[in-house]
ModelCIF file with pLDDT and N, C-alpha, C, O atoms, coordinates in Angstrom:
data_MODEL
#
_entry.id   MODEL 
#
_entity.id                         1 
_entity.type                       polymer 
_entity.pdbx_number_of_molecules   1 
#
_entity_poly.entity_id                      1 
_entity_poly.type                           'polypeptide(L)' 
_entity_poly.nstd_linkage                   no 
_entity_poly.nstd_monomer                   no 
_entity_poly.pdbx_seq_one_letter_code       PETYDDAANFYYGLDVIIPEATEIMGINASLA 
_entity_poly.pdbx_seq_one_letter_code_can   PETYDDAANFYYGLDVIIPEATEIMGINASLA 
_entity_poly.pdbx_strand_id                 A 
#
loop_
_entity_poly_seq.entity_id 
_entity_poly_seq.num 
_entity_poly_seq.mon_id 
_entity_poly_seq.hetero 
1 1  PRO n 
1 2  GLU n 
1 3  THR n 
1 4  TYR n 
1 5  ASP n 
1 6  ASP n 
1 7  ALA n 
1 8  ALA n 
1 9  ASN n 
1 10 PHE n 
1 11 TYR n 
1 12 TYR n 
1 13 GLY n 
1 14 LEU n 
1 15 ASP n 
1 16 VAL n 
1 17 ILE n 
1 18 ILE n 
1 19 PRO n 
1 20 GLU n 
1 21 ALA n 
1 22 THR n 
1 23 GLU n 
1 24 ILE n 
1 25 MET n 
1 26 GLY n 
1 27 ILE n 
1 28 ASN n 
1 29 ALA n 
1 30 SER n 
1 31 LEU n 
1 32 ALA n 
#
_struct_asym.id          A 
_struct_asym.entity_id   1 
#
loop_
_ma_qa_metric.id 
_ma_qa_metric.mode 
_ma_qa_metric.name 
_ma_qa_metric.software_group_id 
_ma_qa_metric.type 
1 global pLDDT . pLDDT 
2 local  pLDDT . pLDDT 
#
_ma_qa_metric_global.metric_id      1 
_ma_qa_metric_global.metric_value   73.81 
_ma_qa_metric_global.model_id       1 
_ma_qa_metric_global.ordinal_id     1 
#
loop_
_ma_qa_metric_local.label_asym_id 
_ma_qa_metric_local.label_comp_id 
_ma_qa_metric_local.label_seq_id 
_ma_qa_metric_local.metric_id 
_ma_qa_metric_local.metric_value 
_ma_qa_metric_local.model_id 
_ma_qa_metric_local.ordinal_id 
A PRO 1  2 82.00 1 1  
A GLU 2  2 79.00 1 2  
A THR 3  2 81.00 1 3  
A TYR 4  2 77.00 1 4  
A ASP 5  2 70.00 1 5  
A ASP 6  2 67.00 1 6  
A ALA 7  2 66.00 1 7  
A ALA 8  2 59.00 1 8  
A ASN 9  2 64.00 1 9  
A PHE 10 2 68.00 1 10 
A TYR 11 2 63.00 1 11 
A TYR 12 2 64.00 1 12 
A GLY 13 2 69.00 1 13 
A LEU 14 2 71.00 1 14 
A ASP 15 2 77.00 1 15 
A VAL 16 2 72.00 1 16 
A ILE 17 2 72.00 1 17 
A ILE 18 2 74.00 1 18 
A PRO 19 2 69.00 1 19 
A GLU 20 2 63.00 1 20 
A ALA 21 2 65.00 1 21 
A THR 22 2 69.00 1 22 
A GLU 23 2 78.00 1 23 
A ILE 24 2 77.00 1 24 
A MET 25 2 80.00 1 25 
A GLY 26 2 78.00 1 26 
A ILE 27 2 84.00 1 27 
A ASN 28 2 86.00 1 28 
A ALA 29 2 84.00 1 29 
A SER 30 2 83.00 1 30 
A LEU 31 2 85.00 1 31 
A ALA 32 2 86.00 1 32 
#
loop_
_atom_site.group_PDB 
_atom_site.id 
_atom_site.type_symbol 
_atom_site.label_atom_id 
_atom_site.label_alt_id 
_atom_site.label_comp_id 
_atom_site.label_asym_id 
_atom_site.label_entity_id 
_atom_site.label_seq_id 
_atom_site.pdbx_PDB_ins_code 
_atom_site.Cartn_x 
_atom_site.Cartn_y 
_atom_site.Cartn_z 
_atom_site.occupancy 
_atom_site.B_iso_or_equiv 
_atom_site.pdbx_formal_charge 
_atom_site.auth_seq_id 
_atom_site.auth_comp_id 
_atom_site.auth_asym_id 
_atom_site.auth_atom_id 
_atom_site.pdbx_PDB_model_num 
ATOM 1   N N  . PRO A 1 1  ? -93.716  -124.298 94.525  1.00 82.00 ? 1  PRO A N  1 
ATOM 2   C CA . PRO A 1 1  ? -94.987  -124.736 95.104  1.00 82.00 ? 1  PRO A CA 1 
ATOM 3   C C  . PRO A 1 1  ? -95.244  -124.051 96.438  1.00 82.00 ? 1  PRO A C  1 
ATOM 4   O O  . PRO A 1 1  ? -94.310  -123.619 97.114  1.00 82.00 ? 1  PRO A O  1 
ATOM 5   N N  . GLU A 1 2  ? -96.497  -123.956 96.808  1.00 79.00 ? 2  GLU A N  1 
ATOM 6   C CA . GLU A 1 2  ? -96.844  -123.472 98.136  1.00 79.00 ? 2  GLU A CA 1 
ATOM 7   C C  . GLU A 1 2  ? -98.164  -124.080 98.556  1.00 79.00 ? 2  GLU A C  1 
ATOM 8   O O  . GLU A 1 2  ? -98.907  -124.615 97.732  1.00 79.00 ? 2  GLU A O  1 
ATOM 9   N N  . THR A 1 3  ? -98.448  -123.994 99.829  1.00 81.00 ? 3  THR A N  1 
ATOM 10  C CA . THR A 1 3  ? -99.693  -124.507 100.393 1.00 81.00 ? 3  THR A CA 1 
ATOM 11  C C  . THR A 1 3  ? -100.520 -123.326 100.877 1.00 81.00 ? 3  THR A C  1 
ATOM 12  O O  . THR A 1 3  ? -99.991  -122.385 101.468 1.00 81.00 ? 3  THR A O  1 
ATOM 13  N N  . TYR A 1 4  ? -101.823 -123.383 100.620 1.00 77.00 ? 4  TYR A N  1 
ATOM 14  C CA . TYR A 1 4  ? -102.707 -122.312 101.060 1.00 77.00 ? 4  TYR A CA 1 
ATOM 15  C C  . TYR A 1 4  ? -102.693 -122.204 102.589 1.00 77.00 ? 4  TYR A C  1 
ATOM 16  O O  . TYR A 1 4  ? -102.862 -123.232 103.246 1.00 77.00 ? 4  TYR A O  1 
ATOM 17  N N  . ASP A 1 5  ? -102.513 -121.094 103.164 1.00 70.00 ? 5  ASP A N  1 
ATOM 18  C CA . ASP A 1 5  ? -102.416 -119.737 102.666 1.00 70.00 ? 5  ASP A CA 1 
ATOM 19  C C  . ASP A 1 5  ? -100.968 -119.281 102.823 1.00 70.00 ? 5  ASP A C  1 
ATOM 20  O O  . ASP A 1 5  ? -100.563 -118.827 103.893 1.00 70.00 ? 5  ASP A O  1 
ATOM 21  N N  . ASP A 1 6  ? -100.171 -119.408 101.717 1.00 67.00 ? 6  ASP A N  1 
ATOM 22  C CA . ASP A 1 6  ? -98.758  -119.019 101.684 1.00 67.00 ? 6  ASP A CA 1 
ATOM 23  C C  . ASP A 1 6  ? -97.945  -119.696 102.778 1.00 67.00 ? 6  ASP A C  1 
ATOM 24  O O  . ASP A 1 6  ? -97.113  -119.065 103.431 1.00 67.00 ? 6  ASP A O  1 
ATOM 25  N N  . ALA A 1 7  ? -98.201  -121.008 102.974 1.00 66.00 ? 7  ALA A N  1 
ATOM 26  C CA . ALA A 1 7  ? -97.512  -121.754 104.028 1.00 66.00 ? 7  ALA A CA 1 
ATOM 27  C C  . ALA A 1 7  ? -96.250  -122.407 103.480 1.00 66.00 ? 7  ALA A C  1 
ATOM 28  O O  . ALA A 1 7  ? -96.118  -122.622 102.275 1.00 66.00 ? 7  ALA A O  1 
ATOM 29  N N  . ALA A 1 8  ? -95.324  -122.719 104.385 1.00 59.00 ? 8  ALA A N  1 
ATOM 30  C CA . ALA A 1 8  ? -94.053  -123.319 103.989 1.00 59.00 ? 8  ALA A CA 1 
ATOM 31  C C  . ALA A 1 8  ? -94.230  -124.723 103.444 1.00 59.00 ? 8  ALA A C  1 
ATOM 32  O O  . ALA A 1 8  ? -93.535  -125.115 102.506 1.00 59.00 ? 8  ALA A O  1 
ATOM 33  N N  . ASN A 1 9  ? -95.154  -125.489 104.019 1.00 64.00 ? 9  ASN A N  1 
ATOM 34  C CA . ASN A 1 9  ? -95.427  -126.822 103.513 1.00 64.00 ? 9  ASN A CA 1 
ATOM 35  C C  . ASN A 1 9  ? -96.839  -127.233 103.918 1.00 64.00 ? 9  ASN A C  1 
ATOM 36  O O  . ASN A 1 9  ? -97.566  -126.473 104.556 1.00 64.00 ? 9  ASN A O  1 
ATOM 37  N N  . PHE A 1 10 ? -97.205  -128.444 103.536 1.00 68.00 ? 10 PHE A N  1 
ATOM 38  C CA . PHE A 1 10 ? -98.569  -128.951 103.714 1.00 68.00 ? 10 PHE A CA 1 
ATOM 39  C C  . PHE A 1 10 ? -99.031  -128.895 105.171 1.00 68.00 ? 10 PHE A C  1 
ATOM 40  O O  . PHE A 1 10 ? -100.190 -128.582 105.443 1.00 68.00 ? 10 PHE A O  1 
ATOM 41  N N  . TYR A 1 11 ? -98.134  -129.196 106.100 1.00 63.00 ? 11 TYR A N  1 
ATOM 42  C CA . TYR A 1 11 ? -98.513  -129.293 107.503 1.00 63.00 ? 11 TYR A CA 1 
ATOM 43  C C  . TYR A 1 11 ? -98.836  -127.935 108.118 1.00 63.00 ? 11 TYR A C  1 
ATOM 44  O O  . TYR A 1 11 ? -99.565  -127.858 109.108 1.00 63.00 ? 11 TYR A O  1 
ATOM 45  N N  . TYR A 1 12 ? -98.298  -126.867 107.537 1.00 64.00 ? 12 TYR A N  1 
ATOM 46  C CA . TYR A 1 12 ? -98.554  -125.539 108.071 1.00 64.00 ? 12 TYR A CA 1 
ATOM 47  C C  . TYR A 1 12 ? -99.662  -124.819 107.301 1.00 64.00 ? 12 TYR A C  1 
ATOM 48  O O  . TYR A 1 12 ? -99.963  -123.660 107.587 1.00 64.00 ? 12 TYR A O  1 
ATOM 49  N N  . GLY A 1 13 ? -100.262 -125.494 106.336 1.00 69.00 ? 13 GLY A N  1 
ATOM 50  C CA . GLY A 1 13 ? -101.307 -124.889 105.529 1.00 69.00 ? 13 GLY A CA 1 
ATOM 51  C C  . GLY A 1 13 ? -102.571 -124.599 106.319 1.00 69.00 ? 13 GLY A C  1 
ATOM 52  O O  . GLY A 1 13 ? -102.766 -125.112 107.422 1.00 69.00 ? 13 GLY A O  1 
ATOM 53  N N  . LEU A 1 14 ? -103.431 -123.761 105.732 1.00 71.00 ? 14 LEU A N  1 
ATOM 54  C CA . LEU A 1 14 ? -104.694 -123.389 106.353 1.00 71.00 ? 14 LEU A CA 1 
ATOM 55  C C  . LEU A 1 14 ? -105.776 -124.371 105.930 1.00 71.00 ? 14 LEU A C  1 
ATOM 56  O O  . LEU A 1 14 ? -105.946 -124.634 104.739 1.00 71.00 ? 14 LEU A O  1 
ATOM 57  N N  . ASP A 1 15 ? -106.505 -124.913 106.893 1.00 77.00 ? 15 ASP A N  1 
ATOM 58  C CA . ASP A 1 15 ? -107.588 -125.843 106.587 1.00 77.00 ? 15 ASP A CA 1 
ATOM 59  C C  . ASP A 1 15 ? -108.700 -125.137 105.816 1.00 77.00 ? 15 ASP A C  1 
ATOM 60  O O  . ASP A 1 15 ? -109.025 -123.978 106.074 1.00 77.00 ? 15 ASP A O  1 
ATOM 61  N N  . VAL A 1 16 ? -109.272 -125.872 104.860 1.00 72.00 ? 16 VAL A N  1 
ATOM 62  C CA . VAL A 1 16 ? -110.436 -125.392 104.119 1.00 72.00 ? 16 VAL A CA 1 
ATOM 63  C C  . VAL A 1 16 ? -111.561 -126.402 104.339 1.00 72.00 ? 16 VAL A C  1 
ATOM 64  O O  . VAL A 1 16 ? -111.471 -127.541 103.880 1.00 72.00 ? 16 VAL A O  1 
ATOM 65  N N  . ILE A 1 17 ? -112.613 -125.992 105.036 1.00 72.00 ? 17 ILE A N  1 
ATOM 66  C CA . ILE A 1 17 ? -113.726 -126.876 105.354 1.00 72.00 ? 17 ILE A CA 1 
ATOM 67  C C  . ILE A 1 17 ? -114.788 -126.743 104.264 1.00 72.00 ? 17 ILE A C  1 
ATOM 68  O O  . ILE A 1 17 ? -115.272 -125.645 103.988 1.00 72.00 ? 17 ILE A O  1 
ATOM 69  N N  . ILE A 1 18 ? -115.146 -127.878 103.644 1.00 74.00 ? 18 ILE A N  1 
ATOM 70  C CA . ILE A 1 18 ? -116.126 -127.866 102.565 1.00 74.00 ? 18 ILE A CA 1 
ATOM 71  C C  . ILE A 1 18 ? -117.347 -128.667 102.979 1.00 74.00 ? 18 ILE A C  1 
ATOM 72  O O  . ILE A 1 18 ? -117.294 -129.896 102.974 1.00 74.00 ? 18 ILE A O  1 
ATOM 73  N N  . PRO A 1 19 ? -118.455 -128.010 103.342 1.00 69.00 ? 19 PRO A N  1 
ATOM 74  C CA . PRO A 1 19 ? -119.694 -128.746 103.625 1.00 69.00 ? 19 PRO A CA 1 
ATOM 75  C C  . PRO A 1 19 ? -120.188 -129.443 102.366 1.00 69.00 ? 19 PRO A C  1 
ATOM 76  O O  . PRO A 1 19 ? -119.806 -129.075 101.255 1.00 69.00 ? 19 PRO A O  1 
ATOM 77  N N  . GLU A 1 20 ? -121.023 -130.433 102.540 1.00 63.00 ? 20 GLU A N  1 
ATOM 78  C CA . GLU A 1 20 ? -121.560 -131.187 101.416 1.00 63.00 ? 20 GLU A CA 1 
ATOM 79  C C  . GLU A 1 20 ? -122.318 -130.266 100.462 1.00 63.00 ? 20 GLU A C  1 
ATOM 80  O O  . GLU A 1 20 ? -123.083 -129.400 100.887 1.00 63.00 ? 20 GLU A O  1 
ATOM 81  N N  . ALA A 1 21 ? -122.086 -130.473 99.154  1.00 65.00 ? 21 ALA A N  1 
ATOM 82  C CA . ALA A 1 21 ? -122.783 -129.738 98.084  1.00 65.00 ? 21 ALA A CA 1 
ATOM 83  C C  . ALA A 1 21 ? -122.576 -128.228 98.204  1.00 65.00 ? 21 ALA A C  1 
ATOM 84  O O  . ALA A 1 21 ? -123.495 -127.452 97.944  1.00 65.00 ? 21 ALA A O  1 
ATOM 85  N N  . THR A 1 22 ? -121.363 -127.809 98.600  1.00 69.00 ? 22 THR A N  1 
ATOM 86  C CA . THR A 1 22 ? -121.058 -126.385 98.761  1.00 69.00 ? 22 THR A CA 1 
ATOM 87  C C  . THR A 1 22 ? -119.813 -126.041 97.974  1.00 69.00 ? 22 THR A C  1 
ATOM 88  O O  . THR A 1 22 ? -118.879 -126.840 97.907  1.00 69.00 ? 22 THR A O  1 
ATOM 89  N N  . GLU A 1 23 ? -119.788 -124.853 97.373  1.00 78.00 ? 23 GLU A N  1 
ATOM 90  C CA . GLU A 1 23 ? -118.624 -124.358 96.665  1.00 78.00 ? 23 GLU A CA 1 
ATOM 91  C C  . GLU A 1 23 ? -117.908 -123.325 97.527  1.00 78.00 ? 23 GLU A C  1 
ATOM 92  O O  . GLU A 1 23 ? -118.544 -122.443 98.104  1.00 78.00 ? 23 GLU A O  1 
ATOM 93  N N  . ILE A 1 24 ? -116.599 -123.433 97.612  1.00 77.00 ? 24 ILE A N  1 
ATOM 94  C CA . ILE A 1 24 ? -115.777 -122.474 98.349  1.00 77.00 ? 24 ILE A CA 1 
ATOM 95  C C  . ILE A 1 24 ? -114.999 -121.642 97.332  1.00 77.00 ? 24 ILE A C  1 
ATOM 96  O O  . ILE A 1 24 ? -114.279 -122.194 96.500  1.00 77.00 ? 24 ILE A O  1 
ATOM 97  N N  . MET A 1 25 ? -115.140 -120.330 97.397  1.00 80.00 ? 25 MET A N  1 
ATOM 98  C CA . MET A 1 25 ? -114.489 -119.439 96.448  1.00 80.00 ? 25 MET A CA 1 
ATOM 99  C C  . MET A 1 25 ? -113.315 -118.721 97.119  1.00 80.00 ? 25 MET A C  1 
ATOM 100 O O  . MET A 1 25 ? -113.221 -118.664 98.345  1.00 80.00 ? 25 MET A O  1 
ATOM 101 N N  . GLY A 1 26 ? -112.429 -118.178 96.291  1.00 78.00 ? 26 GLY A N  1 
ATOM 102 C CA . GLY A 1 26 ? -111.361 -117.314 96.792  1.00 78.00 ? 26 GLY A CA 1 
ATOM 103 C C  . GLY A 1 26 ? -110.165 -118.038 97.370  1.00 78.00 ? 26 GLY A C  1 
ATOM 104 O O  . GLY A 1 26 ? -109.401 -117.435 98.125  1.00 78.00 ? 26 GLY A O  1 
ATOM 105 N N  . ILE A 1 27 ? -109.967 -119.332 97.041  1.00 84.00 ? 27 ILE A N  1 
ATOM 106 C CA . ILE A 1 27 ? -108.762 -120.048 97.491  1.00 84.00 ? 27 ILE A CA 1 
ATOM 107 C C  . ILE A 1 27 ? -107.674 -119.778 96.458  1.00 84.00 ? 27 ILE A C  1 
ATOM 108 O O  . ILE A 1 27 ? -107.430 -120.591 95.567  1.00 84.00 ? 27 ILE A O  1 
ATOM 109 N N  . ASN A 1 28 ? -107.029 -118.630 96.592  1.00 86.00 ? 28 ASN A N  1 
ATOM 110 C CA . ASN A 1 28 ? -106.095 -118.133 95.601  1.00 86.00 ? 28 ASN A CA 1 
ATOM 111 C C  . ASN A 1 28 ? -104.649 -118.330 96.040  1.00 86.00 ? 28 ASN A C  1 
ATOM 112 O O  . ASN A 1 28 ? -104.367 -118.588 97.210  1.00 86.00 ? 28 ASN A O  1 
ATOM 113 N N  . ALA A 1 29 ? -103.750 -118.202 95.085  1.00 84.00 ? 29 ALA A N  1 
ATOM 114 C CA . ALA A 1 29 ? -102.324 -118.293 95.384  1.00 84.00 ? 29 ALA A CA 1 
ATOM 115 C C  . ALA A 1 29 ? -101.545 -117.382 94.448  1.00 84.00 ? 29 ALA A C  1 
ATOM 116 O O  . ALA A 1 29 ? -101.924 -117.202 93.291  1.00 84.00 ? 29 ALA A O  1 
ATOM 117 N N  . SER A 1 30 ? -100.470 -116.816 94.941  1.00 83.00 ? 30 SER A N  1 
ATOM 118 C CA . SER A 1 30 ? -99.555  -116.024 94.136  1.00 83.00 ? 30 SER A CA 1 
ATOM 119 C C  . SER A 1 30 ? -98.196  -116.712 94.205  1.00 83.00 ? 30 SER A C  1 
ATOM 120 O O  . SER A 1 30 ? -97.485  -116.603 95.204  1.00 83.00 ? 30 SER A O  1 
ATOM 121 N N  . LEU A 1 31 ? -97.841  -117.422 93.132  1.00 85.00 ? 31 LEU A N  1 
ATOM 122 C CA . LEU A 1 31 ? -96.645  -118.261 93.151  1.00 85.00 ? 31 LEU A CA 1 
ATOM 123 C C  . LEU A 1 31 ? -95.382  -117.464 92.824  1.00 85.00 ? 31 LEU A C  1 
ATOM 124 O O  . LEU A 1 31 ? -95.373  -116.627 91.922  1.00 85.00 ? 31 LEU A O  1 
ATOM 125 N N  . ALA A 1 32 ? -94.335  -117.741 93.567  1.00 86.00 ? 32 ALA A N  1 
ATOM 126 C CA . ALA A 1 32 ? -93.038  -117.117 93.315  1.00 86.00 ? 32 ALA A CA 1 
ATOM 127 C C  . ALA A 1 32 ? -92.280  -117.918 92.257  1.00 86.00 ? 32 ALA A C  1 
ATOM 128 O O  . ALA A 1 32 ? -91.159  -117.559 91.897  1.00 86.00 ? 32 ALA A O  1 
#
């Protein structure tokens, strides 16, 4: 498992801000 963006755990992950009625693209992951 990993947390976006390739973080060690949830607390070090990158925030993703989603405004109302908006789609966010490109939240990808390459799992080891």
